[in-house]
Amino acid sequence: MTDLNQTYKRLAKLLSGSRKTLQEVCDDLGLDTDAVDDEQLAHFVSECSHCDIWGTTHRRDEDGFPVCVLCFSLVGS
C-alpha cells in the first residue's frame, strides 16, 4: 500500500513553482489523475487563481480563492 501523504508531498513538490497541470505531473509520476483528491491535495499545494502558479504559501482573496504573494501584492485582497 502506498503512503498517500508521500504521494501528495511528491505531487506538491513537482507542482510548486510551476504552471504544470495536475494531469502532466500525474503522467510524470505514473498516477491516475482520478485517484487524486483535490481537497487532500489542497492541504499541500494550491494553484493561484490569477497566474496559475502552484505554491504552498498562497493566501485567500475576499472570494476565498488562492492567490500567490506576487498577485496578492498587485491586486490586493
PDB file of N, CA and C in Angstrom:
ATOM      1  N   MET A   1       0.836  -1.186   0.000  1.00  0.00           N
ATOM      2  CA  MET A   1       0.000   0.000   0.000  1.00  0.00           C
ATOM      3  C   MET A   1       0.883   1.254   0.000  1.00  0.00           C
ATOM      4  N   THR A   2       0.537   2.211  -0.825  1.00  0.00           N
ATOM      5  CA  THR A   2       1.297   3.450  -0.940  1.00  0.00           C
ATOM      6  C   THR A   2       0.863   4.427   0.135  1.00  0.00           C
ATOM      7  N   ASP A   3       1.820   5.105   0.749  1.00  0.00           N
ATOM      8  CA  ASP A   3       1.518   6.142   1.726  1.00  0.00           C
ATOM      9  C   ASP A   3       0.973   7.349   0.978  1.00  0.00           C
ATOM     10  N   LEU A   4      -0.313   7.683   1.222  1.00  0.00           N
ATOM     11  CA  LEU A   4      -0.951   8.775   0.493  1.00  0.00           C
ATOM     12  C   LEU A   4      -0.299  10.117   0.769  1.00  0.00           C
ATOM     13  N   ASN A   5       0.113  10.368   2.020  1.00  0.00           N
ATOM     14  CA  ASN A   5       0.774  11.632   2.329  1.00  0.00           C
ATOM     15  C   ASN A   5       2.033  11.799   1.494  1.00  0.00           C
ATOM     16  N   GLN A   6       2.789  10.743   1.322  1.00  0.00           N
ATOM     17  CA  GLN A   6       4.004  10.804   0.500  1.00  0.00           C
ATOM     18  C   GLN A   6       3.659  11.119  -0.955  1.00  0.00           C
ATOM     19  N   THR A   7       2.584  10.535  -1.448  1.00  0.00           N
ATOM     20  CA  THR A   7       2.155  10.791  -2.820  1.00  0.00           C
ATOM     21  C   THR A   7       1.793  12.257  -2.995  1.00  0.00           C
ATOM     22  N   TYR A   8       1.031  12.806  -2.053  1.00  0.00           N
ATOM     23  CA  TYR A   8       0.643  14.218  -2.151  1.00  0.00           C
ATOM     24  C   TYR A   8       1.848  15.144  -1.960  1.00  0.00           C
ATOM     25  N   LYS A   9       2.797  14.749  -1.138  1.00  0.00           N
ATOM     26  CA  LYS A   9       4.023  15.540  -0.972  1.00  0.00           C
ATOM     27  C   LYS A   9       4.825  15.550  -2.269  1.00  0.00           C
ATOM     28  N   ARG A  10       4.885  14.419  -2.951  1.00  0.00           N
ATOM     29  CA  ARG A  10       5.590  14.338  -4.228  1.00  0.00           C
ATOM     30  C   ARG A  10       4.903  15.197  -5.282  1.00  0.00           C
ATOM     31  N   LEU A  11       3.565  15.125  -5.305  1.00  0.00           N
ATOM     32  CA  LEU A  11       2.812  15.968  -6.231  1.00  0.00           C
ATOM     33  C   LEU A  11       3.073  17.443  -5.954  1.00  0.00           C
ATOM     34  N   ALA A  12       3.028  17.820  -4.674  1.00  0.00           N
ATOM     35  CA  ALA A  12       3.237  19.218  -4.289  1.00  0.00           C
ATOM     36  C   ALA A  12       4.631  19.691  -4.687  1.00  0.00           C
ATOM     37  N   LYS A  13       5.622  18.841  -4.496  1.00  0.00           N
ATOM     38  CA  LYS A  13       6.999  19.215  -4.825  1.00  0.00           C
ATOM     39  C   LYS A  13       7.151  19.473  -6.323  1.00  0.00           C
ATOM     40  N   LEU A  14       6.535  18.643  -7.145  1.00  0.00           N
ATOM     41  CA  LEU A  14       6.647  18.813  -8.598  1.00  0.00           C
ATOM     42  C   LEU A  14       5.792  19.970  -9.116  1.00  0.00           C
ATOM     43  N   LEU A  15       4.660  20.226  -8.462  1.00  0.00           N
ATOM     44  CA  LEU A  15       3.784  21.303  -8.897  1.00  0.00           C
ATOM     45  C   LEU A  15       4.261  22.677  -8.433  1.00  0.00           C
ATOM     46  N   SER A  16       4.787  22.748  -7.228  1.00  0.00           N
ATOM     47  CA  SER A  16       5.137  24.020  -6.610  1.00  0.00           C
ATOM     48  C   SER A  16       6.094  24.838  -7.482  1.00  0.00           C
ATOM     49  N   GLY A  17       5.718  26.088  -7.731  1.00  0.00           N
ATOM     50  CA  GLY A  17       6.538  26.991  -8.522  1.00  0.00           C
ATOM     51  C   GLY A  17       6.396  26.818 -10.023  1.00  0.00           C
ATOM     52  N   SER A  18       5.488  25.951 -10.449  1.00  0.00           N
ATOM     53  CA  SER A  18       5.325  25.703 -11.877  1.00  0.00           C
ATOM     54  C   SER A  18       3.908  26.047 -12.331  1.00  0.00           C
ATOM     55  N   ARG A  19       3.723  26.016 -13.630  1.00  0.00           N
ATOM     56  CA  ARG A  19       2.388  26.169 -14.212  1.00  0.00           C
ATOM     57  C   ARG A  19       1.943  24.857 -14.844  1.00  0.00           C
ATOM     58  N   LYS A  20       2.576  23.770 -14.464  1.00  0.00           N
ATOM     59  CA  LYS A  20       2.189  22.466 -14.997  1.00  0.00           C
ATOM     60  C   LYS A  20       0.760  22.139 -14.550  1.00  0.00           C
ATOM     61  N   THR A  21       0.099  21.337 -15.356  1.00  0.00           N
ATOM     62  CA  THR A  21      -1.224  20.889 -14.966  1.00  0.00           C
ATOM     63  C   THR A  21      -1.081  19.663 -14.069  1.00  0.00           C
ATOM     64  N   LEU A  22      -2.119  19.393 -13.318  1.00  0.00           N
ATOM     65  CA  LEU A  22      -2.121  18.201 -12.481  1.00  0.00           C
ATOM     66  C   LEU A  22      -1.974  16.952 -13.341  1.00  0.00           C
ATOM     67  N   GLN A  23      -2.599  16.957 -14.508  1.00  0.00           N
ATOM     68  CA  GLN A  23      -2.503  15.820 -15.425  1.00  0.00           C
ATOM     69  C   GLN A  23      -1.054  15.572 -15.853  1.00  0.00           C
ATOM     70  N   GLU A  24      -0.315  16.638 -16.165  1.00  0.00           N
ATOM     71  CA  GLU A  24       1.080  16.489 -16.587  1.00  0.00           C
ATOM     72  C   GLU A  24       1.922  15.867 -15.484  1.00  0.00           C
ATOM     73  N   VAL A  25       1.744  16.325 -14.260  1.00  0.00           N
ATOM     74  CA  VAL A  25       2.545  15.806 -13.149  1.00  0.00           C
ATOM     75  C   VAL A  25       2.144  14.370 -12.828  1.00  0.00           C
ATOM     76  N   CYS A  26       0.858  14.081 -12.876  1.00  0.00           N
ATOM     77  CA  CYS A  26       0.419  12.702 -12.635  1.00  0.00           C
ATOM     78  C   CYS A  26       0.975  11.771 -13.704  1.00  0.00           C
ATOM     79  N   ASP A  27       1.002  12.220 -14.946  1.00  0.00           N
ATOM     80  CA  ASP A  27       1.588  11.412 -16.017  1.00  0.00           C
ATOM     81  C   ASP A  27       3.068  11.161 -15.754  1.00  0.00           C
ATOM     82  N   ASP A  28       3.795  12.199 -15.293  1.00  0.00           N
ATOM     83  CA  ASP A  28       5.217  12.048 -14.978  1.00  0.00           C
ATOM     84  C   ASP A  28       5.442  11.006 -13.885  1.00  0.00           C
ATOM     85  N   LEU A  29       4.523  10.960 -12.917  1.00  0.00           N
ATOM     86  CA  LEU A  29       4.665  10.037 -11.785  1.00  0.00           C
ATOM     87  C   LEU A  29       3.977   8.688 -12.019  1.00  0.00           C
ATOM     88  N   GLY A  30       3.257   8.571 -13.119  1.00  0.00           N
ATOM     89  CA  GLY A  30       2.532   7.336 -13.396  1.00  0.00           C
ATOM     90  C   GLY A  30       1.311   7.153 -12.510  1.00  0.00           C
ATOM     91  N   LEU A  31       0.688   8.263 -12.123  1.00  0.00           N
ATOM     92  CA  LEU A  31      -0.503   8.220 -11.278  1.00  0.00           C
ATOM     93  C   LEU A  31      -1.752   8.482 -12.095  1.00  0.00           C
ATOM     94  N   ASP A  32      -2.871   7.935 -11.634  1.00  0.00           N
ATOM     95  CA  ASP A  32      -4.163   8.188 -12.244  1.00  0.00           C
ATOM     96  C   ASP A  32      -4.716   9.485 -11.659  1.00  0.00           C
ATOM     97  N   THR A  33      -5.006  10.466 -12.498  1.00  0.00           N
ATOM     98  CA  THR A  33      -5.499  11.761 -12.042  1.00  0.00           C
ATOM     99  C   THR A  33      -6.803  11.616 -11.262  1.00  0.00           C
ATOM    100  N   ASP A  34      -7.637  10.656 -11.653  1.00  0.00           N
ATOM    101  CA  ASP A  34      -8.912  10.456 -10.966  1.00  0.00           C
ATOM    102  C   ASP A  34      -8.733   9.999  -9.528  1.00  0.00           C
ATOM    103  N   ALA A  35      -7.574   9.448  -9.209  1.00  0.00           N
ATOM    104  CA  ALA A  35      -7.312   8.963  -7.851  1.00  0.00           C
ATOM    105  C   ALA A  35      -6.855  10.081  -6.918  1.00  0.00           C
ATOM    106  N   VAL A  36      -6.580  11.270  -7.460  1.00  0.00           N
ATOM    107  CA  VAL A  36      -6.102  12.394  -6.653  1.00  0.00           C
ATOM    108  C   VAL A  36      -7.305  13.163  -6.115  1.00  0.00           C
ATOM    109  N   ASP A  37      -7.369  13.288  -4.809  1.00  0.00           N
ATOM    110  CA  ASP A  37      -8.432  14.040  -4.144  1.00  0.00           C
ATOM    111  C   ASP A  37      -8.017  15.503  -4.076  1.00  0.00           C
ATOM    112  N   ASP A  38      -8.790  16.371  -4.744  1.00  0.00           N
ATOM    113  CA  ASP A  38      -8.444  17.799  -4.806  1.00  0.00           C
ATOM    114  C   ASP A  38      -8.370  18.441  -3.423  1.00  0.00           C
ATOM    115  N   GLU A  39      -9.273  18.071  -2.542  1.00  0.00           N
ATOM    116  CA  GLU A  39      -9.267  18.644  -1.193  1.00  0.00           C
ATOM    117  C   GLU A  39      -8.025  18.211  -0.418  1.00  0.00           C
ATOM    118  N   GLN A  40      -7.632  16.963  -0.581  1.00  0.00           N
ATOM    119  CA  GLN A  40      -6.426  16.463   0.082  1.00  0.00           C
ATOM    120  C   GLN A  40      -5.186  17.155  -0.483  1.00  0.00           C
ATOM    121  N   LEU A  41      -5.155  17.327  -1.799  1.00  0.00           N
ATOM    122  CA  LEU A  41      -4.017  17.997  -2.441  1.00  0.00           C
ATOM    123  C   LEU A  41      -3.901  19.441  -1.964  1.00  0.00           C
ATOM    124  N   ALA A  42      -5.032  20.094  -1.728  1.00  0.00           N
ATOM    125  CA  ALA A  42      -5.042  21.493  -1.290  1.00  0.00           C
ATOM    126  C   ALA A  42      -4.382  21.681   0.076  1.00  0.00           C
ATOM    127  N   HIS A  43      -4.251  20.612   0.844  1.00  0.00           N
ATOM    128  CA  HIS A  43      -3.537  20.697   2.126  1.00  0.00           C
ATOM    129  C   HIS A  43      -2.030  20.867   1.912  1.00  0.00           C
ATOM    130  N   PHE A  44      -1.558  20.504   0.736  1.00  0.00           N
ATOM    131  CA  PHE A  44      -0.131  20.539   0.442  1.00  0.00           C
ATOM    132  C   PHE A  44       0.262  21.644  -0.535  1.00  0.00           C
ATOM    133  N   VAL A  45      -0.584  21.922  -1.508  1.00  0.00           N
ATOM    134  CA  VAL A  45      -0.264  22.888  -2.563  1.00  0.00           C
ATOM    135  C   VAL A  45      -1.564  23.391  -3.190  1.00  0.00           C
ATOM    136  N   SER A  46      -1.549  24.643  -3.661  1.00  0.00           N
ATOM    137  CA  SER A  46      -2.724  25.176  -4.356  1.00  0.00           C
ATOM    138  C   SER A  46      -2.269  26.011  -5.545  1.00  0.00           C
ATOM    139  N   GLU A  47      -3.185  26.231  -6.464  1.00  0.00           N
ATOM    140  CA  GLU A  47      -2.885  26.951  -7.693  1.00  0.00           C
ATOM    141  C   GLU A  47      -3.438  28.368  -7.602  1.00  0.00           C
ATOM    142  N   CYS A  48      -2.611  29.357  -7.903  1.00  0.00           N
ATOM    143  CA  CYS A  48      -3.046  30.757  -7.862  1.00  0.00           C
ATOM    144  C   CYS A  48      -4.177  30.955  -8.865  1.00  0.00           C
ATOM    145  N   SER A  49      -5.255  31.575  -8.410  1.00  0.00           N
ATOM    146  CA  SER A  49      -6.405  31.776  -9.282  1.00  0.00           C
ATOM    147  C   SER A  49      -6.172  32.888 -10.302  1.00  0.00           C
ATOM    148  N   HIS A  50      -5.074  33.624 -10.174  1.00  0.00           N
ATOM    149  CA  HIS A  50      -4.767  34.705 -11.107  1.00  0.00           C
ATOM    150  C   HIS A  50      -3.715  34.299 -12.141  1.00  0.00           C
ATOM    151  N   CYS A  51      -2.590  33.751 -11.692  1.00  0.00           N
ATOM    152  CA  CYS A  51      -1.482  33.462 -12.622  1.00  0.00           C
ATOM    153  C   CYS A  51      -1.259  31.965 -12.857  1.00  0.00           C
ATOM    154  N   ASP A  52      -1.986  31.111 -12.150  1.00  0.00           N
ATOM    155  CA  ASP A  52      -1.919  29.648 -12.313  1.00  0.00           C
ATOM    156  C   ASP A  52      -0.621  29.013 -11.828  1.00  0.00           C
ATOM    157  N   ILE A  53       0.179  29.736 -11.057  1.00  0.00           N
ATOM    158  CA  ILE A  53       1.385  29.143 -10.494  1.00  0.00           C
ATOM    159  C   ILE A  53       1.011  28.414  -9.195  1.00  0.00           C
ATOM    160  N   TRP A  54       1.503  27.201  -9.080  1.00  0.00           N
ATOM    161  CA  TRP A  54       1.249  26.399  -7.889  1.00  0.00           C
ATOM    162  C   TRP A  54       2.194  26.836  -6.769  1.00  0.00           C
ATOM    163  N   GLY A  55       1.717  26.789  -5.529  1.00  0.00           N
ATOM    164  CA  GLY A  55       2.568  27.147  -4.403  1.00  0.00           C
ATOM    165  C   GLY A  55       2.002  26.658  -3.086  1.00  0.00           C
ATOM    166  N   THR A  56       2.827  26.790  -2.061  1.00  0.00           N
ATOM    167  CA  THR A  56       2.446  26.311  -0.731  1.00  0.00           C
ATOM    168  C   THR A  56       2.119  27.449   0.226  1.00  0.00           C
ATOM    169  N   THR A  57       2.317  28.699  -0.213  1.00  0.00           N
ATOM    170  CA  THR A  57       2.101  29.841   0.680  1.00  0.00           C
ATOM    171  C   THR A  57       1.045  30.807   0.148  1.00  0.00           C
ATOM    172  N   HIS A  58       0.138  30.319  -0.659  1.00  0.00           N
ATOM    173  CA  HIS A  58      -0.896  31.190  -1.212  1.00  0.00           C
ATOM    174  C   HIS A  58      -1.838  31.671  -0.118  1.00  0.00           C
ATOM    175  N   ARG A  59      -2.293  32.917  -0.294  1.00  0.00           N
ATOM    176  CA  ARG A  59      -3.291  33.486   0.604  1.00  0.00           C
ATOM    177  C   ARG A  59      -4.654  33.348  -0.058  1.00  0.00           C
ATOM    178  N   ARG A  60      -5.691  33.640   0.687  1.00  0.00           N
ATOM    179  CA  ARG A  60      -7.047  33.619   0.134  1.00  0.00           C
ATOM    180  C   ARG A  60      -7.515  35.043  -0.116  1.00  0.00           C
ATOM    181  N   ASP A  61      -8.149  35.268  -1.270  1.00  0.00           N
ATOM    182  CA  ASP A  61      -8.700  36.590  -1.536  1.00  0.00           C
ATOM    183  C   ASP A  61     -10.078  36.695  -0.879  1.00  0.00           C
ATOM    184  N   GLU A  62     -10.762  37.802  -1.104  1.00  0.00           N
ATOM    185  CA  GLU A  62     -12.061  38.027  -0.466  1.00  0.00           C
ATOM    186  C   GLU A  62     -13.108  37.003  -0.887  1.00  0.00           C
ATOM    187  N   ASP A  63     -12.920  36.402  -2.046  1.00  0.00           N
ATOM    188  CA  ASP A  63     -13.843  35.382  -2.525  1.00  0.00           C
ATOM    189  C   ASP A  63     -13.442  33.980  -2.106  1.00  0.00           C
ATOM    190  N   GLY A  64     -12.319  33.854  -1.412  1.00  0.00           N
ATOM    191  CA  GLY A  64     -11.866  32.559  -0.929  1.00  0.00           C
ATOM    192  C   GLY A  64     -10.985  31.792  -1.893  1.00  0.00           C
ATOM    193  N   PHE A  65     -10.559  32.438  -2.977  1.00  0.00           N
ATOM    194  CA  PHE A  65      -9.700  31.767  -3.944  1.00  0.00           C
ATOM    195  C   PHE A  65      -8.232  31.944  -3.558  1.00  0.00           C
ATOM    196  N   PRO A  66      -7.388  30.927  -3.824  1.00  0.00           N
ATOM    197  CA  PRO A  66      -5.964  31.055  -3.517  1.00  0.00           C
ATOM    198  C   PRO A  66      -5.274  32.036  -4.452  1.00  0.00           C
ATOM    199  N   VAL A  67      -4.433  32.897  -3.877  1.00  0.00           N
ATOM    200  CA  VAL A  67      -3.693  33.904  -4.644  1.00  0.00           C
ATOM    201  C   VAL A  67      -2.254  33.896  -4.151  1.00  0.00           C
ATOM    202  N   CYS A  68      -1.294  33.833  -5.080  1.00  0.00           N
ATOM    203  CA  CYS A  68       0.115  33.842  -4.698  1.00  0.00           C
ATOM    204  C   CYS A  68       0.495  35.212  -4.143  1.00  0.00           C
ATOM    205  N   VAL A  69       1.628  35.289  -3.488  1.00  0.00           N
ATOM    206  CA  VAL A  69       2.078  36.514  -2.840  1.00  0.00           C
ATOM    207  C   VAL A  69       2.246  37.646  -3.853  1.00  0.00           C
ATOM    208  N   LEU A  70       2.805  37.353  -5.022  1.00  0.00           N
ATOM    209  CA  LEU A  70       3.008  38.384  -6.030  1.00  0.00           C
ATOM    210  C   LEU A  70       1.679  38.946  -6.512  1.00  0.00           C
ATOM    211  N   CYS A  71       0.758  38.092  -6.889  1.00  0.00           N
ATOM    212  CA  CYS A  71      -0.555  38.560  -7.355  1.00  0.00           C
ATOM    213  C   CYS A  71      -1.302  39.289  -6.248  1.00  0.00           C
ATOM    214  N   PHE A  72      -1.170  38.790  -5.032  1.00  0.00           N
ATOM    215  CA  PHE A  72      -1.837  39.443  -3.909  1.00  0.00           C
ATOM    216  C   PHE A  72      -1.326  40.866  -3.742  1.00  0.00           C
ATOM    217  N   SER A  73      -0.023  41.057  -3.918  1.00  0.00           N
ATOM    218  CA  SER A  73       0.542  42.409  -3.774  1.00  0.00           C
ATOM    219  C   SER A  73       0.136  43.313  -4.941  1.00  0.00           C
ATOM    220  N   LEU A  74      -0.139  42.721  -6.105  1.00  0.00           N
ATOM    221  CA  LEU A  74      -0.527  43.508  -7.272  1.00  0.00           C
ATOM    222  C   LEU A  74      -2.010  43.871  -7.270  1.00  0.00           C
ATOM    223  N   VAL A  75      -2.850  42.925  -6.882  1.00  0.00           N
ATOM    224  CA  VAL A  75      -4.292  43.161  -6.953  1.00  0.00           C
ATOM    225  C   VAL A  75      -4.919  43.417  -5.592  1.00  0.00           C
ATOM    226  N   GLY A  76      -4.175  43.207  -4.537  1.00  0.00           N
ATOM    227  CA  GLY A  76      -4.710  43.413  -3.193  1.00  0.00           C
ATOM    228  C   GLY A  76      -5.599  42.258  -2.766  1.00  0.00           C
ATOM    229  N   SER A  77      -6.431  42.504  -1.787  1.00  0.00           N
ATOM    230  CA  SER A  77      -7.265  41.444  -1.237  1.00  0.00           C
ATOM    231  C   SER A  77      -8.406  41.147  -2.173  1.00  0.00           C
TER     232      SER A  77
END
